[in-house]
Amino acid sequence: MKKIILALAVLALTSNAAFAQDDEQELMDASPEYVMSLVAQCKNDASEDEISASEMNNYLLTCVNDELEASYYKPIKVIPKEG
């Protein structure tokens, strides 16, 4: 009985370590075109949500980074300029 409990404990500890490594994915940089498409989408959302001009930059940055995170891309620090 002790051997079974010991075997289960070892199995639980080693399987947890194996799954922990799977969670650490290296995030890639998104292409500038993709980021700009997200900015346009977020600007559209901002107008629907009636975001003020003073809050726009923070709103866009949060919105774009949320979308990037959902797609497993690295977040950005500043909103890129168009053109």
PDB file of N, CA and C in Angstrom:
ATOM      1  N   MET A   1       0.820  -1.192   0.000  1.00  0.00           N
ATOM      2  CA  MET A   1       0.000   0.000   0.000  1.00  0.00           C
ATOM      3  C   MET A   1       0.867   1.260   0.000  1.00  0.00           C
ATOM      4  N   LYS A   2       1.959   1.223   0.773  1.00  0.00           N
ATOM      5  CA  LYS A   2       2.843   2.383   0.819  1.00  0.00           C
ATOM      6  C   LYS A   2       3.487   2.631  -0.540  1.00  0.00           C
ATOM      7  N   LYS A   3       3.798   1.548  -1.255  1.00  0.00           N
ATOM      8  CA  LYS A   3       4.418   1.697  -2.568  1.00  0.00           C
ATOM      9  C   LYS A   3       3.457   2.352  -3.556  1.00  0.00           C
ATOM     10  N   ILE A   4       2.186   2.019  -3.454  1.00  0.00           N
ATOM     11  CA  ILE A   4       1.190   2.617  -4.352  1.00  0.00           C
ATOM     12  C   ILE A   4       1.062   4.111  -4.080  1.00  0.00           C
ATOM     13  N   ILE A   5       0.989   4.476  -2.810  1.00  0.00           N
ATOM     14  CA  ILE A   5       0.879   5.892  -2.447  1.00  0.00           C
ATOM     15  C   ILE A   5       2.128   6.648  -2.881  1.00  0.00           C
ATOM     16  N   LEU A   6       3.285   6.050  -2.666  1.00  0.00           N
ATOM     17  CA  LEU A   6       4.537   6.677  -3.078  1.00  0.00           C
ATOM     18  C   LEU A   6       4.591   6.839  -4.596  1.00  0.00           C
ATOM     19  N   ALA A   7       4.163   5.827  -5.320  1.00  0.00           N
ATOM     20  CA  ALA A   7       4.163   5.895  -6.785  1.00  0.00           C
ATOM     21  C   ALA A   7       3.218   6.986  -7.279  1.00  0.00           C
ATOM     22  N   LEU A   8       2.050   7.091  -6.669  1.00  0.00           N
ATOM     23  CA  LEU A   8       1.102   8.144  -7.053  1.00  0.00           C
ATOM     24  C   LEU A   8       1.654   9.533  -6.741  1.00  0.00           C
ATOM     25  N   ALA A   9       2.333   9.674  -5.615  1.00  0.00           N
ATOM     26  CA  ALA A   9       2.920  10.964  -5.257  1.00  0.00           C
ATOM     27  C   ALA A   9       4.004  11.358  -6.249  1.00  0.00           C
ATOM     28  N   VAL A  10       4.856  10.421  -6.619  1.00  0.00           N
ATOM     29  CA  VAL A  10       5.916  10.692  -7.595  1.00  0.00           C
ATOM     30  C   VAL A  10       5.305  11.046  -8.946  1.00  0.00           C
ATOM     31  N   LEU A  11       4.282  10.321  -9.344  1.00  0.00           N
ATOM     32  CA  LEU A  11       3.614  10.591 -10.613  1.00  0.00           C
ATOM     33  C   LEU A  11       3.003  11.991 -10.619  1.00  0.00           C
ATOM     34  N   ALA A  12       2.363  12.361  -9.533  1.00  0.00           N
ATOM     35  CA  ALA A  12       1.745  13.684  -9.451  1.00  0.00           C
ATOM     36  C   ALA A  12       2.792  14.792  -9.522  1.00  0.00           C
ATOM     37  N   LEU A  13       3.906  14.607  -8.854  1.00  0.00           N
ATOM     38  CA  LEU A  13       4.946  15.635  -8.852  1.00  0.00           C
ATOM     39  C   LEU A  13       5.630  15.759 -10.208  1.00  0.00           C
ATOM     40  N   THR A  14       5.893  14.657 -10.867  1.00  0.00           N
ATOM     41  CA  THR A  14       6.591  14.723 -12.155  1.00  0.00           C
ATOM     42  C   THR A  14       5.678  15.184 -13.279  1.00  0.00           C
ATOM     43  N   SER A  15       4.420  14.812 -13.249  1.00  0.00           N
ATOM     44  CA  SER A  15       3.514  15.245 -14.318  1.00  0.00           C
ATOM     45  C   SER A  15       3.259  16.744 -14.225  1.00  0.00           C
ATOM     46  N   ASN A  16       3.230  17.293 -13.030  1.00  0.00           N
ATOM     47  CA  ASN A  16       3.040  18.733 -12.862  1.00  0.00           C
ATOM     48  C   ASN A  16       4.214  19.497 -13.458  1.00  0.00           C
ATOM     49  N   ALA A  17       5.412  19.019 -13.270  1.00  0.00           N
ATOM     50  CA  ALA A  17       6.593  19.684 -13.823  1.00  0.00           C
ATOM     51  C   ALA A  17       6.586  19.620 -15.344  1.00  0.00           C
ATOM     52  N   ALA A  18       6.120  18.533 -15.899  1.00  0.00           N
ATOM     53  CA  ALA A  18       6.075  18.398 -17.358  1.00  0.00           C
ATOM     54  C   ALA A  18       5.073  19.368 -17.964  1.00  0.00           C
ATOM     55  N   PHE A  19       3.932  19.537 -17.331  1.00  0.00           N
ATOM     56  CA  PHE A  19       2.927  20.454 -17.858  1.00  0.00           C
ATOM     57  C   PHE A  19       3.316  21.908 -17.644  1.00  0.00           C
ATOM     58  N   ALA A  20       4.087  22.209 -16.636  1.00  0.00           N
ATOM     59  CA  ALA A  20       4.507  23.586 -16.374  1.00  0.00           C
ATOM     60  C   ALA A  20       5.371  24.112 -17.507  1.00  0.00           C
ATOM     61  N   GLN A  21       6.171  23.263 -18.126  1.00  0.00           N
ATOM     62  CA  GLN A  21       7.018  23.695 -19.228  1.00  0.00           C
ATOM     63  C   GLN A  21       6.201  24.005 -20.469  1.00  0.00           C
ATOM     64  N   ASP A  22       5.062  23.353 -20.653  1.00  0.00           N
ATOM     65  CA  ASP A  22       4.216  23.608 -21.815  1.00  0.00           C
ATOM     66  C   ASP A  22       3.593  24.992 -21.769  1.00  0.00           C
ATOM     67  N   ASP A  23       3.379  25.533 -20.572  1.00  0.00           N
ATOM     68  CA  ASP A  23       2.737  26.835 -20.435  1.00  0.00           C
ATOM     69  C   ASP A  23       3.639  27.979 -20.867  1.00  0.00           C
ATOM     70  N   GLU A  24       4.941  27.773 -20.849  1.00  0.00           N
ATOM     71  CA  GLU A  24       5.879  28.838 -21.170  1.00  0.00           C
ATOM     72  C   GLU A  24       6.146  28.860 -22.673  1.00  0.00           C
ATOM     73  N   GLN A  25       5.323  29.598 -23.393  1.00  0.00           N
ATOM     74  CA  GLN A  25       5.520  29.724 -24.830  1.00  0.00           C
ATOM     75  C   GLN A  25       6.245  31.025 -25.111  1.00  0.00           C
ATOM     76  N   GLU A  26       7.145  30.978 -26.057  1.00  0.00           N
ATOM     77  CA  GLU A  26       7.844  32.197 -26.440  1.00  0.00           C
ATOM     78  C   GLU A  26       6.935  32.998 -27.361  1.00  0.00           C
ATOM     79  N   LEU A  27       6.649  34.223 -26.949  1.00  0.00           N
ATOM     80  CA  LEU A  27       5.756  35.069 -27.730  1.00  0.00           C
ATOM     81  C   LEU A  27       6.516  35.713 -28.875  1.00  0.00           C
ATOM     82  N   MET A  28       5.857  35.839 -30.011  1.00  0.00           N
ATOM     83  CA  MET A  28       6.470  36.449 -31.187  1.00  0.00           C
ATOM     84  C   MET A  28       5.988  37.887 -31.328  1.00  0.00           C
ATOM     85  N   ASP A  29       6.742  38.671 -32.089  1.00  0.00           N
ATOM     86  CA  ASP A  29       6.319  40.023 -32.428  1.00  0.00           C
ATOM     87  C   ASP A  29       5.278  39.946 -33.537  1.00  0.00           C
ATOM     88  N   ALA A  30       4.224  40.724 -33.396  1.00  0.00           N
ATOM     89  CA  ALA A  30       3.199  40.784 -34.441  1.00  0.00           C
ATOM     90  C   ALA A  30       3.704  41.656 -35.583  1.00  0.00           C
ATOM     91  N   SER A  31       3.236  41.378 -36.778  1.00  0.00           N
ATOM     92  CA  SER A  31       3.634  42.189 -37.932  1.00  0.00           C
ATOM     93  C   SER A  31       3.036  43.586 -37.796  1.00  0.00           C
ATOM     94  N   PRO A  32       3.715  44.597 -38.336  1.00  0.00           N
ATOM     95  CA  PRO A  32       3.178  45.967 -38.270  1.00  0.00           C
ATOM     96  C   PRO A  32       1.790  46.079 -38.902  1.00  0.00           C
ATOM     97  N   GLU A  33       1.547  45.326 -39.966  1.00  0.00           N
ATOM     98  CA  GLU A  33       0.234  45.366 -40.617  1.00  0.00           C
ATOM     99  C   GLU A  33      -0.854  44.846 -39.683  1.00  0.00           C
ATOM    100  N   TYR A  34      -0.546  43.774 -38.969  1.00  0.00           N
ATOM    101  CA  TYR A  34      -1.521  43.207 -38.041  1.00  0.00           C
ATOM    102  C   TYR A  34      -1.791  44.178 -36.896  1.00  0.00           C
ATOM    103  N   VAL A  35      -0.738  44.791 -36.368  1.00  0.00           N
ATOM    104  CA  VAL A  35      -0.909  45.753 -35.277  1.00  0.00           C
ATOM    105  C   VAL A  35      -1.766  46.925 -35.744  1.00  0.00           C
ATOM    106  N   MET A  36      -1.506  47.423 -36.954  1.00  0.00           N
ATOM    107  CA  MET A  36      -2.292  48.552 -37.467  1.00  0.00           C
ATOM    108  C   MET A  36      -3.753  48.157 -37.686  1.00  0.00           C
ATOM    109  N   SER A  37      -3.998  46.910 -38.081  1.00  0.00           N
ATOM    110  CA  SER A  37      -5.390  46.469 -38.232  1.00  0.00           C
ATOM    111  C   SER A  37      -6.086  46.415 -36.876  1.00  0.00           C
ATOM    112  N   LEU A  38      -5.343  46.032 -35.844  1.00  0.00           N
ATOM    113  CA  LEU A  38      -5.907  46.028 -34.494  1.00  0.00           C
ATOM    114  C   LEU A  38      -6.175  47.445 -34.007  1.00  0.00           C
ATOM    115  N   VAL A  39      -5.273  48.378 -34.336  1.00  0.00           N
ATOM    116  CA  VAL A  39      -5.478  49.779 -33.953  1.00  0.00           C
ATOM    117  C   VAL A  39      -6.761  50.299 -34.592  1.00  0.00           C
ATOM    118  N   ALA A  40      -6.958  50.003 -35.877  1.00  0.00           N
ATOM    119  CA  ALA A  40      -8.170  50.452 -36.569  1.00  0.00           C
ATOM    120  C   ALA A  40      -9.416  49.842 -35.935  1.00  0.00           C
ATOM    121  N   GLN A  41      -9.342  48.569 -35.619  1.00  0.00           N
ATOM    122  CA  GLN A  41     -10.476  47.891 -34.979  1.00  0.00           C
ATOM    123  C   GLN A  41     -10.768  48.511 -33.614  1.00  0.00           C
ATOM    124  N   CYS A  42      -9.716  48.779 -32.847  1.00  0.00           N
ATOM    125  CA  CYS A  42      -9.890  49.348 -31.511  1.00  0.00           C
ATOM    126  C   CYS A  42     -10.398  50.790 -31.578  1.00  0.00           C
ATOM    127  N   LYS A  43      -9.979  51.542 -32.609  1.00  0.00           N
ATOM    128  CA  LYS A  43     -10.505  52.903 -32.783  1.00  0.00           C
ATOM    129  C   LYS A  43     -12.003  52.855 -33.057  1.00  0.00           C
ATOM    130  N   ASN A  44     -12.425  51.885 -33.843  1.00  0.00           N
ATOM    131  CA  ASN A  44     -13.845  51.717 -34.113  1.00  0.00           C
ATOM    132  C   ASN A  44     -14.596  51.386 -32.822  1.00  0.00           C
ATOM    133  N   ASP A  45     -14.027  50.491 -32.028  1.00  0.00           N
ATOM    134  CA  ASP A  45     -14.632  50.147 -30.739  1.00  0.00           C
ATOM    135  C   ASP A  45     -14.679  51.358 -29.818  1.00  0.00           C
ATOM    136  N   ALA A  46     -13.630  52.179 -29.848  1.00  0.00           N
ATOM    137  CA  ALA A  46     -13.568  53.365 -28.991  1.00  0.00           C
ATOM    138  C   ALA A  46     -14.670  54.353 -29.352  1.00  0.00           C
ATOM    139  N   SER A  47     -14.928  54.517 -30.643  1.00  0.00           N
ATOM    140  CA  SER A  47     -15.989  55.448 -31.039  1.00  0.00           C
ATOM    141  C   SER A  47     -17.354  54.917 -30.609  1.00  0.00           C
ATOM    142  N   GLU A  48     -17.547  53.607 -30.685  1.00  0.00           N
ATOM    143  CA  GLU A  48     -18.802  53.016 -30.219  1.00  0.00           C
ATOM    144  C   GLU A  48     -18.953  53.143 -28.709  1.00  0.00           C
ATOM    145  N   ASP A  49     -17.835  53.055 -27.991  1.00  0.00           N
ATOM    146  CA  ASP A  49     -17.857  53.162 -26.528  1.00  0.00           C
ATOM    147  C   ASP A  49     -17.785  54.605 -26.044  1.00  0.00           C
ATOM    148  N   GLU A  50     -17.713  55.548 -26.980  1.00  0.00           N
ATOM    149  CA  GLU A  50     -17.653  56.989 -26.671  1.00  0.00           C
ATOM    150  C   GLU A  50     -16.500  57.321 -25.725  1.00  0.00           C
ATOM    151  N   ILE A  51     -15.313  56.883 -26.095  1.00  0.00           N
ATOM    152  CA  ILE A  51     -14.108  57.155 -25.307  1.00  0.00           C
ATOM    153  C   ILE A  51     -13.652  58.579 -25.594  1.00  0.00           C
ATOM    154  N   SER A  52     -13.312  59.321 -24.538  1.00  0.00           N
ATOM    155  CA  SER A  52     -12.871  60.707 -24.710  1.00  0.00           C
ATOM    156  C   SER A  52     -11.458  60.750 -25.293  1.00  0.00           C
ATOM    157  N   ALA A  53     -11.102  61.900 -25.852  1.00  0.00           N
ATOM    158  CA  ALA A  53      -9.780  62.067 -26.468  1.00  0.00           C
ATOM    159  C   ALA A  53      -8.663  61.877 -25.441  1.00  0.00           C
ATOM    160  N   SER A  54      -8.901  62.308 -24.209  1.00  0.00           N
ATOM    161  CA  SER A  54      -7.863  62.190 -23.177  1.00  0.00           C
ATOM    162  C   SER A  54      -7.623  60.730 -22.765  1.00  0.00           C
ATOM    163  N   GLU A  55      -8.616  59.882 -22.936  1.00  0.00           N
ATOM    164  CA  GLU A  55      -8.481  58.475 -22.560  1.00  0.00           C
ATOM    165  C   GLU A  55      -8.147  57.578 -23.750  1.00  0.00           C
ATOM    166  N   MET A  56      -8.124  58.153 -24.951  1.00  0.00           N
ATOM    167  CA  MET A  56      -8.003  57.360 -26.172  1.00  0.00           C
ATOM    168  C   MET A  56      -6.716  56.535 -26.226  1.00  0.00           C
ATOM    169  N   ASN A  57      -5.569  57.138 -25.928  1.00  0.00           N
ATOM    170  CA  ASN A  57      -4.299  56.419 -26.048  1.00  0.00           C
ATOM    171  C   ASN A  57      -4.255  55.205 -25.124  1.00  0.00           C
ATOM    172  N   ASN A  58      -4.662  55.389 -23.868  1.00  0.00           N
ATOM    173  CA  ASN A  58      -4.666  54.263 -22.930  1.00  0.00           C
ATOM    174  C   ASN A  58      -5.647  53.189 -23.370  1.00  0.00           C
ATOM    175  N   TYR A  59      -6.808  53.611 -23.865  1.00  0.00           N
ATOM    176  CA  TYR A  59      -7.808  52.657 -24.338  1.00  0.00           C
ATOM    177  C   TYR A  59      -7.256  51.836 -25.502  1.00  0.00           C
ATOM    178  N   LEU A  60      -6.650  52.524 -26.476  1.00  0.00           N
ATOM    179  CA  LEU A  60      -6.119  51.827 -27.645  1.00  0.00           C
ATOM    180  C   LEU A  60      -5.005  50.860 -27.265  1.00  0.00           C
ATOM    181  N   LEU A  61      -4.111  51.301 -26.398  1.00  0.00           N
ATOM    182  CA  LEU A  61      -2.999  50.445 -25.980  1.00  0.00           C
ATOM    183  C   LEU A  61      -3.510  49.185 -25.277  1.00  0.00           C
ATOM    184  N   THR A  62      -4.464  49.356 -24.382  1.00  0.00           N
ATOM    185  CA  THR A  62      -5.038  48.211 -23.674  1.00  0.00           C
ATOM    186  C   THR A  62      -5.771  47.284 -24.633  1.00  0.00           C
ATOM    187  N   CYS A  63      -6.552  47.865 -25.518  1.00  0.00           N
ATOM    188  CA  CYS A  63      -7.320  47.079 -26.487  1.00  0.00           C
ATOM    189  C   CYS A  63      -6.398  46.276 -27.402  1.00  0.00           C
ATOM    190  N   VAL A  64      -5.395  46.929 -27.967  1.00  0.00           N
ATOM    191  CA  VAL A  64      -4.469  46.253 -28.879  1.00  0.00           C
ATOM    192  C   VAL A  64      -3.705  45.158 -28.140  1.00  0.00           C
ATOM    193  N   ASN A  65      -3.218  45.456 -26.950  1.00  0.00           N
ATOM    194  CA  ASN A  65      -2.459  44.451 -26.196  1.00  0.00           C
ATOM    195  C   ASN A  65      -3.330  43.269 -25.782  1.00  0.00           C
ATOM    196  N   ASP A  66      -4.603  43.508 -25.485  1.00  0.00           N
ATOM    197  CA  ASP A  66      -5.506  42.398 -25.176  1.00  0.00           C
ATOM    198  C   ASP A  66      -5.652  41.472 -26.380  1.00  0.00           C
ATOM    199  N   GLU A  67      -5.800  42.063 -27.562  1.00  0.00           N
ATOM    200  CA  GLU A  67      -5.930  41.266 -28.781  1.00  0.00           C
ATOM    201  C   GLU A  67      -4.621  40.527 -29.104  1.00  0.00           C
ATOM    202  N   LEU A  68      -3.496  41.193 -28.904  1.00  0.00           N
ATOM    203  CA  LEU A  68      -2.203  40.545 -29.150  1.00  0.00           C
ATOM    204  C   LEU A  68      -2.001  39.368 -28.199  1.00  0.00           C
ATOM    205  N   GLU A  69      -2.333  39.580 -26.936  1.00  0.00           N
ATOM    206  CA  GLU A  69      -2.181  38.516 -25.942  1.00  0.00           C
ATOM    207  C   GLU A  69      -3.056  37.317 -26.300  1.00  0.00           C
ATOM    208  N   ALA A  70      -4.261  37.565 -26.767  1.00  0.00           N
ATOM    209  CA  ALA A  70      -5.163  36.475 -27.144  1.00  0.00           C
ATOM    210  C   ALA A  70      -4.617  35.679 -28.326  1.00  0.00           C
ATOM    211  N   SER A  71      -3.782  36.328 -29.139  1.00  0.00           N
ATOM    212  CA  SER A  71      -3.194  35.668 -30.317  1.00  0.00           C
ATOM    213  C   SER A  71      -1.758  35.212 -30.069  1.00  0.00           C
ATOM    214  N   TYR A  72      -1.311  35.265 -28.818  1.00  0.00           N
ATOM    215  CA  TYR A  72       0.033  34.829 -28.415  1.00  0.00           C
ATOM    216  C   TYR A  72       1.148  35.644 -29.068  1.00  0.00           C
ATOM    217  N   TYR A  73       0.940  36.961 -29.134  1.00  0.00           N
ATOM    218  CA  TYR A  73       1.978  37.881 -29.584  1.00  0.00           C
ATOM    219  C   TYR A  73       2.449  38.712 -28.400  1.00  0.00           C
ATOM    220  N   LYS A  74       3.650  39.272 -28.539  1.00  0.00           N
ATOM    221  CA  LYS A  74       4.179  40.160 -27.508  1.00  0.00           C
ATOM    222  C   LYS A  74       3.368  41.449 -27.477  1.00  0.00           C
ATOM    223  N   PRO A  75       3.149  42.009 -26.283  1.00  0.00           N
ATOM    224  CA  PRO A  75       2.448  43.294 -26.209  1.00  0.00           C
ATOM    225  C   PRO A  75       3.335  44.423 -26.725  1.00  0.00           C
ATOM    226  N   ILE A  76       2.703  45.528 -27.076  1.00  0.00           N
ATOM    227  CA  ILE A  76       3.442  46.706 -27.528  1.00  0.00           C
ATOM    228  C   ILE A  76       3.444  47.735 -26.411  1.00  0.00           C
ATOM    229  N   LYS A  77       4.393  48.668 -26.483  1.00  0.00           N
ATOM    230  CA  LYS A  77       4.504  49.694 -25.444  1.00  0.00           C
ATOM    231  C   LYS A  77       3.863  51.010 -25.863  1.00  0.00           C
ATOM    232  N   VAL A  78       3.848  51.283 -27.160  1.00  0.00           N
ATOM    233  CA  VAL A  78       3.238  52.513 -27.684  1.00  0.00           C
ATOM    234  C   VAL A  78       2.426  52.178 -28.930  1.00  0.00           C
ATOM    235  N   ILE A  79       1.412  52.979 -29.156  1.00  0.00           N
ATOM    236  CA  ILE A  79       0.589  52.819 -30.356  1.00  0.00           C
ATOM    237  C   ILE A  79       1.374  53.369 -31.545  1.00  0.00           C
ATOM    238  N   PRO A  80       1.549  52.574 -32.598  1.00  0.00           N
ATOM    239  CA  PRO A  80       2.303  53.070 -33.768  1.00  0.00           C
ATOM    240  C   PRO A  80       1.523  54.147 -34.515  1.00  0.00           C
ATOM    241  N   LYS A  81       2.263  55.035 -35.142  1.00  0.00           N
ATOM    242  CA  LYS A  81       1.659  56.102 -35.947  1.00  0.00           C
ATOM    243  C   LYS A  81       1.260  55.544 -37.302  1.00  0.00           C
ATOM    244  N   GLU A  82       0.166  56.035 -37.828  1.00  0.00           N
ATOM    245  CA  GLU A  82      -0.293  55.598 -39.153  1.00  0.00           C
ATOM    246  C   GLU A  82       0.562  56.233 -40.231  1.00  0.00           C
ATOM    247  N   GLY A  83       0.720  55.478 -41.320  1.00  0.00           N
ATOM    248  CA  GLY A  83       1.415  56.043 -42.471  1.00  0.00           C
ATOM    249  C   GLY A  83       2.803  55.707 -42.548  1.00  0.00           C
TER     250      GLY A  83
END
